[in-house]
Amino acid sequence: QLPYVAWAGIYPKQVKVEPVLKAHG
């Protein structure tokens, strides 16, 4: 509700794993 906040949300686990660790093969 603060006027200067554009967005607020839970810290997502989707940002935790570096992309290279998701690549296989």
PDB file of all heavy atoms in Angstrom:
ATOM      1  N   GLN A   1       0.805  -1.214   0.000  1.00  0.00           N
ATOM      2  CA  GLN A   1       0.000   0.000   0.000  1.00  0.00           C
ATOM      3  C   GLN A   1       0.844   1.273   0.000  1.00  0.00           C
ATOM      4  O   GLN A   1       0.315   2.362  -0.224  1.00  0.00           O
ATOM      5  CB  GLN A   1      -0.924  -0.003   1.219  1.00  0.00           C
ATOM      6  CG  GLN A   1      -2.021  -1.061   1.143  1.00  0.00           C
ATOM      7  CD  GLN A   1      -2.753  -1.241   2.465  1.00  0.00           C
ATOM      8  OE1 GLN A   1      -2.493  -0.533   3.443  1.00  0.00           O
ATOM      9  NE2 GLN A   1      -3.671  -2.203   2.514  1.00  0.00           N
ATOM     10  N   LEU A   2       2.136   1.138   0.210  1.00  0.00           N
ATOM     11  CA  LEU A   2       2.998   2.315   0.220  1.00  0.00           C
ATOM     12  C   LEU A   2       3.105   2.898  -1.193  1.00  0.00           C
ATOM     13  O   LEU A   2       3.318   2.164  -2.162  1.00  0.00           O
ATOM     14  CB  LEU A   2       4.387   1.947   0.744  1.00  0.00           C
ATOM     15  CG  LEU A   2       4.442   1.471   2.204  1.00  0.00           C
ATOM     16  CD1 LEU A   2       5.829   0.951   2.544  1.00  0.00           C
ATOM     17  CD2 LEU A   2       4.046   2.613   3.150  1.00  0.00           C
ATOM     18  N   PRO A   3       2.986   4.208  -1.356  1.00  0.00           N
ATOM     19  CA  PRO A   3       2.933   4.807  -2.701  1.00  0.00           C
ATOM     20  C   PRO A   3       4.219   4.647  -3.501  1.00  0.00           C
ATOM     21  O   PRO A   3       4.188   4.694  -4.736  1.00  0.00           O
ATOM     22  CB  PRO A   3       2.633   6.279  -2.411  1.00  0.00           C
ATOM     23  CG  PRO A   3       3.082   6.498  -1.003  1.00  0.00           C
ATOM     24  CD  PRO A   3       2.823   5.213  -0.284  1.00  0.00           C
ATOM     25  N   TYR A   4       5.351   4.461  -2.847  1.00  0.00           N
ATOM     26  CA  TYR A   4       6.621   4.365  -3.555  1.00  0.00           C
ATOM     27  C   TYR A   4       7.025   2.919  -3.851  1.00  0.00           C
ATOM     28  O   TYR A   4       8.082   2.666  -4.454  1.00  0.00           O
ATOM     29  CB  TYR A   4       7.735   5.054  -2.767  1.00  0.00           C
ATOM     30  CG  TYR A   4       7.809   4.647  -1.310  1.00  0.00           C
ATOM     31  CD1 TYR A   4       8.483   3.503  -0.908  1.00  0.00           C
ATOM     32  CD2 TYR A   4       7.189   5.419  -0.325  1.00  0.00           C
ATOM     33  CE1 TYR A   4       8.557   3.131   0.426  1.00  0.00           C
ATOM     34  CE2 TYR A   4       7.242   5.060   1.007  1.00  0.00           C
ATOM     35  CZ  TYR A   4       7.925   3.919   1.375  1.00  0.00           C
ATOM     36  OH  TYR A   4       7.980   3.551   2.700  1.00  0.00           O
ATOM     37  N   VAL A   5       6.206   1.957  -3.458  1.00  0.00           N
ATOM     38  CA  VAL A   5       6.489   0.544  -3.721  1.00  0.00           C
ATOM     39  C   VAL A   5       5.785   0.106  -5.006  1.00  0.00           C
ATOM     40  O   VAL A   5       4.559   0.202  -5.128  1.00  0.00           O
ATOM     41  CB  VAL A   5       6.049  -0.343  -2.541  1.00  0.00           C
ATOM     42  CG1 VAL A   5       6.148  -1.823  -2.909  1.00  0.00           C
ATOM     43  CG2 VAL A   5       6.909  -0.044  -1.311  1.00  0.00           C
ATOM     44  N   ALA A   6       6.562  -0.348  -5.977  1.00  0.00           N
ATOM     45  CA  ALA A   6       5.996  -0.812  -7.244  1.00  0.00           C
ATOM     46  C   ALA A   6       5.481  -2.241  -7.129  1.00  0.00           C
ATOM     47  O   ALA A   6       4.458  -2.597  -7.740  1.00  0.00           O
ATOM     48  CB  ALA A   6       7.050  -0.736  -8.349  1.00  0.00           C
ATOM     49  N   TRP A   7       6.202  -3.067  -6.359  1.00  0.00           N
ATOM     50  CA  TRP A   7       5.797  -4.470  -6.188  1.00  0.00           C
ATOM     51  C   TRP A   7       6.517  -5.036  -4.981  1.00  0.00           C
ATOM     52  O   TRP A   7       7.652  -4.653  -4.667  1.00  0.00           O
ATOM     53  CB  TRP A   7       6.158  -5.294  -7.430  1.00  0.00           C
ATOM     54  CG  TRP A   7       5.803  -6.755  -7.311  1.00  0.00           C
ATOM     55  CD1 TRP A   7       4.586  -7.320  -7.513  1.00  0.00           C
ATOM     56  CD2 TRP A   7       6.681  -7.823  -6.947  1.00  0.00           C
ATOM     57  NE1 TRP A   7       4.643  -8.680  -7.294  1.00  0.00           N
ATOM     58  CE2 TRP A   7       5.923  -9.018  -6.958  1.00  0.00           C
ATOM     59  CE3 TRP A   7       8.031  -7.903  -6.615  1.00  0.00           C
ATOM     60  CZ2 TRP A   7       6.470 -10.269  -6.640  1.00  0.00           C
ATOM     61  CZ3 TRP A   7       8.585  -9.143  -6.301  1.00  0.00           C
ATOM     62  CH2 TRP A   7       7.816 -10.295  -6.316  1.00  0.00           C
ATOM     63  N   ALA A   8       5.842  -5.940  -4.295  1.00  0.00           N
ATOM     64  CA  ALA A   8       6.468  -6.665  -3.189  1.00  0.00           C
ATOM     65  C   ALA A   8       5.955  -8.096  -3.205  1.00  0.00           C
ATOM     66  O   ALA A   8       4.781  -8.336  -3.473  1.00  0.00           O
ATOM     67  CB  ALA A   8       6.158  -5.999  -1.849  1.00  0.00           C
ATOM     68  N   GLY A   9       6.871  -9.035  -2.968  1.00  0.00           N
ATOM     69  CA  GLY A   9       6.473 -10.441  -2.982  1.00  0.00           C
ATOM     70  C   GLY A   9       7.468 -11.301  -2.243  1.00  0.00           C
ATOM     71  O   GLY A   9       8.574 -10.861  -1.892  1.00  0.00           O
ATOM     72  N   ILE A  10       7.078 -12.531  -1.985  1.00  0.00           N
ATOM     73  CA  ILE A  10       7.936 -13.486  -1.311  1.00  0.00           C
ATOM     74  C   ILE A  10       9.206 -13.715  -2.125  1.00  0.00           C
ATOM     75  O   ILE A  10       9.180 -13.624  -3.363  1.00  0.00           O
ATOM     76  CB  ILE A  10       7.174 -14.818  -1.096  1.00  0.00           C
ATOM     77  CG1 ILE A  10       7.901 -15.714  -0.083  1.00  0.00           C
ATOM     78  CG2 ILE A  10       6.978 -15.541  -2.413  1.00  0.00           C
ATOM     79  CD1 ILE A  10       7.068 -16.915   0.354  1.00  0.00           C
ATOM     80  N   TYR A  11      10.327 -13.942  -1.469  1.00  0.00           N
ATOM     81  CA  TYR A  11      11.566 -14.231  -2.188  1.00  0.00           C
ATOM     82  C   TYR A  11      11.398 -15.563  -2.898  1.00  0.00           C
ATOM     83  O   TYR A  11      11.255 -16.607  -2.268  1.00  0.00           O
ATOM     84  CB  TYR A  11      12.749 -14.289  -1.233  1.00  0.00           C
ATOM     85  CG  TYR A  11      14.086 -14.391  -1.933  1.00  0.00           C
ATOM     86  CD1 TYR A  11      14.714 -13.258  -2.437  1.00  0.00           C
ATOM     87  CD2 TYR A  11      14.713 -15.620  -2.110  1.00  0.00           C
ATOM     88  CE1 TYR A  11      15.940 -13.348  -3.085  1.00  0.00           C
ATOM     89  CE2 TYR A  11      15.928 -15.718  -2.752  1.00  0.00           C
ATOM     90  CZ  TYR A  11      16.539 -14.584  -3.241  1.00  0.00           C
ATOM     91  OH  TYR A  11      17.754 -14.684  -3.893  1.00  0.00           O
ATOM     92  N   PRO A  12      11.413 -15.588  -4.247  1.00  0.00           N
ATOM     93  CA  PRO A  12      11.037 -16.799  -4.981  1.00  0.00           C
ATOM     94  C   PRO A  12      12.183 -17.805  -5.098  1.00  0.00           C
ATOM     95  O   PRO A  12      13.316 -17.432  -5.383  1.00  0.00           O
ATOM     96  CB  PRO A  12      10.649 -16.264  -6.358  1.00  0.00           C
ATOM     97  CG  PRO A  12      11.425 -15.000  -6.508  1.00  0.00           C
ATOM     98  CD  PRO A  12      11.632 -14.433  -5.130  1.00  0.00           C
ATOM     99  N   LYS A  13      11.852 -19.069  -4.885  1.00  0.00           N
ATOM    100  CA  LYS A  13      12.882 -20.099  -5.057  1.00  0.00           C
ATOM    101  C   LYS A  13      13.285 -20.217  -6.526  1.00  0.00           C
ATOM    102  O   LYS A  13      14.349 -20.768  -6.846  1.00  0.00           O
ATOM    103  CB  LYS A  13      12.395 -21.442  -4.535  1.00  0.00           C
ATOM    104  CG  LYS A  13      11.292 -22.090  -5.347  1.00  0.00           C
ATOM    105  CD  LYS A  13      10.939 -23.456  -4.794  1.00  0.00           C
ATOM    106  CE  LYS A  13       9.875 -24.150  -5.660  1.00  0.00           C
ATOM    107  NZ  LYS A  13       9.527 -25.491  -5.132  1.00  0.00           N
ATOM    108  N   GLN A  14      12.473 -19.671  -7.436  1.00  0.00           N
ATOM    109  CA  GLN A  14      12.771 -19.743  -8.872  1.00  0.00           C
ATOM    110  C   GLN A  14      14.027 -18.968  -9.258  1.00  0.00           C
ATOM    111  O   GLN A  14      14.558 -19.163 -10.355  1.00  0.00           O
ATOM    112  CB  GLN A  14      11.577 -19.225  -9.680  1.00  0.00           C
ATOM    113  CG  GLN A  14      10.373 -20.150  -9.696  1.00  0.00           C
ATOM    114  CD  GLN A  14       9.525 -20.038  -8.437  1.00  0.00           C
ATOM    115  OE1 GLN A  14       9.757 -19.159  -7.589  1.00  0.00           O
ATOM    116  NE2 GLN A  14       8.526 -20.891  -8.303  1.00  0.00           N
ATOM    117  N   VAL A  15      14.491 -18.055  -8.401  1.00  0.00           N
ATOM    118  CA  VAL A  15      15.706 -17.308  -8.726  1.00  0.00           C
ATOM    119  C   VAL A  15      16.940 -17.906  -8.057  1.00  0.00           C
ATOM    120  O   VAL A  15      18.051 -17.417  -8.250  1.00  0.00           O
ATOM    121  CB  VAL A  15      15.582 -15.818  -8.314  1.00  0.00           C
ATOM    122  CG1 VAL A  15      14.385 -15.175  -8.974  1.00  0.00           C
ATOM    123  CG2 VAL A  15      15.520 -15.658  -6.794  1.00  0.00           C
ATOM    124  N   LYS A  16      16.769 -18.951  -7.284  1.00  0.00           N
ATOM    125  CA  LYS A  16      17.867 -19.427  -6.442  1.00  0.00           C
ATOM    126  C   LYS A  16      18.918 -20.244  -7.188  1.00  0.00           C
ATOM    127  O   LYS A  16      20.101 -20.202  -6.844  1.00  0.00           O
ATOM    128  CB  LYS A  16      17.318 -20.232  -5.275  1.00  0.00           C
ATOM    129  CG  LYS A  16      16.524 -19.406  -4.263  1.00  0.00           C
ATOM    130  CD  LYS A  16      16.143 -20.237  -3.056  1.00  0.00           C
ATOM    131  CE  LYS A  16      15.382 -19.417  -2.018  1.00  0.00           C
ATOM    132  NZ  LYS A  16      15.075 -20.201  -0.806  1.00  0.00           N
ATOM    133  N   VAL A  17      18.512 -21.030  -8.181  1.00  0.00           N
ATOM    134  CA  VAL A  17      19.454 -21.937  -8.833  1.00  0.00           C
ATOM    135  C   VAL A  17      20.024 -21.282 -10.093  1.00  0.00           C
ATOM    136  O   VAL A  17      19.275 -20.874 -10.989  1.00  0.00           O
ATOM    137  CB  VAL A  17      18.776 -23.274  -9.192  1.00  0.00           C
ATOM    138  CG1 VAL A  17      19.776 -24.219  -9.852  1.00  0.00           C
ATOM    139  CG2 VAL A  17      18.176 -23.929  -7.944  1.00  0.00           C
ATOM    140  N   GLU A  18      21.339 -21.184 -10.156  1.00  0.00           N
ATOM    141  CA  GLU A  18      21.997 -20.596 -11.320  1.00  0.00           C
ATOM    142  C   GLU A  18      21.609 -21.361 -12.588  1.00  0.00           C
ATOM    143  O   GLU A  18      21.556 -22.593 -12.586  1.00  0.00           O
ATOM    144  CB  GLU A  18      23.512 -20.642 -11.122  1.00  0.00           C
ATOM    145  CG  GLU A  18      24.300 -19.958 -12.216  1.00  0.00           C
ATOM    146  CD  GLU A  18      25.798 -20.088 -12.011  1.00  0.00           C
ATOM    147  OE1 GLU A  18      26.245 -20.998 -11.298  1.00  0.00           O
ATOM    148  OE2 GLU A  18      26.529 -19.257 -12.593  1.00  0.00           O
ATOM    149  N   PRO A  19      21.341 -20.655 -13.691  1.00  0.00           N
ATOM    150  CA  PRO A  19      20.889 -21.333 -14.906  1.00  0.00           C
ATOM    151  C   PRO A  19      21.785 -22.473 -15.373  1.00  0.00           C
ATOM    152  O   PRO A  19      21.295 -23.491 -15.851  1.00  0.00           O
ATOM    153  CB  PRO A  19      20.856 -20.188 -15.939  1.00  0.00           C
ATOM    154  CG  PRO A  19      20.567 -18.972 -15.127  1.00  0.00           C
ATOM    155  CD  PRO A  19      21.290 -19.189 -13.827  1.00  0.00           C
ATOM    156  N   VAL A  20      23.124 -22.314 -15.226  1.00  0.00           N
ATOM    157  CA  VAL A  20      24.017 -23.373 -15.702  1.00  0.00           C
ATOM    158  C   VAL A  20      23.793 -24.680 -14.954  1.00  0.00           C
ATOM    159  O   VAL A  20      24.040 -25.763 -15.483  1.00  0.00           O
ATOM    160  CB  VAL A  20      25.497 -22.924 -15.588  1.00  0.00           C
ATOM    161  CG1 VAL A  20      25.933 -22.856 -14.129  1.00  0.00           C
ATOM    162  CG2 VAL A  20      26.406 -23.847 -16.383  1.00  0.00           C
ATOM    163  N   LEU A  21      23.270 -24.610 -13.732  1.00  0.00           N
ATOM    164  CA  LEU A  21      22.997 -25.822 -12.961  1.00  0.00           C
ATOM    165  C   LEU A  21      21.703 -26.492 -13.400  1.00  0.00           C
ATOM    166  O   LEU A  21      21.427 -27.624 -13.008  1.00  0.00           O
ATOM    167  CB  LEU A  21      22.932 -25.496 -11.464  1.00  0.00           C
ATOM    168  CG  LEU A  21      24.261 -25.112 -10.821  1.00  0.00           C
ATOM    169  CD1 LEU A  21      24.039 -24.607  -9.398  1.00  0.00           C
ATOM    170  CD2 LEU A  21      25.215 -26.298 -10.808  1.00  0.00           C
ATOM    171  N   LYS A  22      20.919 -25.780 -14.202  1.00  0.00           N
ATOM    172  CA  LYS A  22      19.682 -26.358 -14.714  1.00  0.00           C
ATOM    173  C   LYS A  22      19.887 -27.010 -16.072  1.00  0.00           C
ATOM    174  O   LYS A  22      18.996 -27.699 -16.576  1.00  0.00           O
ATOM    175  CB  LYS A  22      18.612 -25.271 -14.850  1.00  0.00           C
ATOM    176  CG  LYS A  22      18.289 -24.544 -13.546  1.00  0.00           C
ATOM    177  CD  LYS A  22      17.324 -23.402 -13.807  1.00  0.00           C
ATOM    178  CE  LYS A  22      17.070 -22.580 -12.559  1.00  0.00           C
ATOM    179  NZ  LYS A  22      16.177 -21.429 -12.813  1.00  0.00           N
ATOM    180  N   ALA A  23      21.042 -26.763 -16.699  1.00  0.00           N
ATOM    181  CA  ALA A  23      21.329 -27.315 -18.025  1.00  0.00           C
ATOM    182  C   ALA A  23      21.952 -28.686 -17.865  1.00  0.00           C
ATOM    183  O   ALA A  23      22.857 -28.880 -17.062  1.00  0.00           O
ATOM    184  CB  ALA A  23      22.277 -26.394 -18.788  1.00  0.00           C
ATOM    185  N   HIS A  24      21.464 -29.655 -18.626  1.00  0.00           N
ATOM    186  CA  HIS A  24      21.933 -31.029 -18.488  1.00  0.00           C
ATOM    187  C   HIS A  24      22.415 -31.564 -19.826  1.00  0.00           C
ATOM    188  O   HIS A  24      21.886 -31.219 -20.880  1.00  0.00           O
ATOM    189  CB  HIS A  24      20.823 -31.925 -17.947  1.00  0.00           C
ATOM    190  CG  HIS A  24      20.237 -31.416 -16.671  1.00  0.00           C
ATOM    191  ND1 HIS A  24      20.948 -31.363 -15.507  1.00  0.00           N
ATOM    192  CD2 HIS A  24      19.011 -30.892 -16.383  1.00  0.00           C
ATOM    193  CE1 HIS A  24      20.187 -30.854 -14.544  1.00  0.00           C
ATOM    194  NE2 HIS A  24      19.015 -30.551 -15.055  1.00  0.00           N
ATOM    195  N   GLY A  25      23.412 -32.425 -19.754  1.00  0.00           N
ATOM    196  CA  GLY A  25      23.924 -33.061 -20.964  1.00  0.00           C
ATOM    197  C   GLY A  25      25.128 -32.323 -21.510  1.00  0.00           C
ATOM    198  O   GLY A  25      25.311 -31.129 -21.278  1.00  0.00           O
TER     199      GLY A  25
END
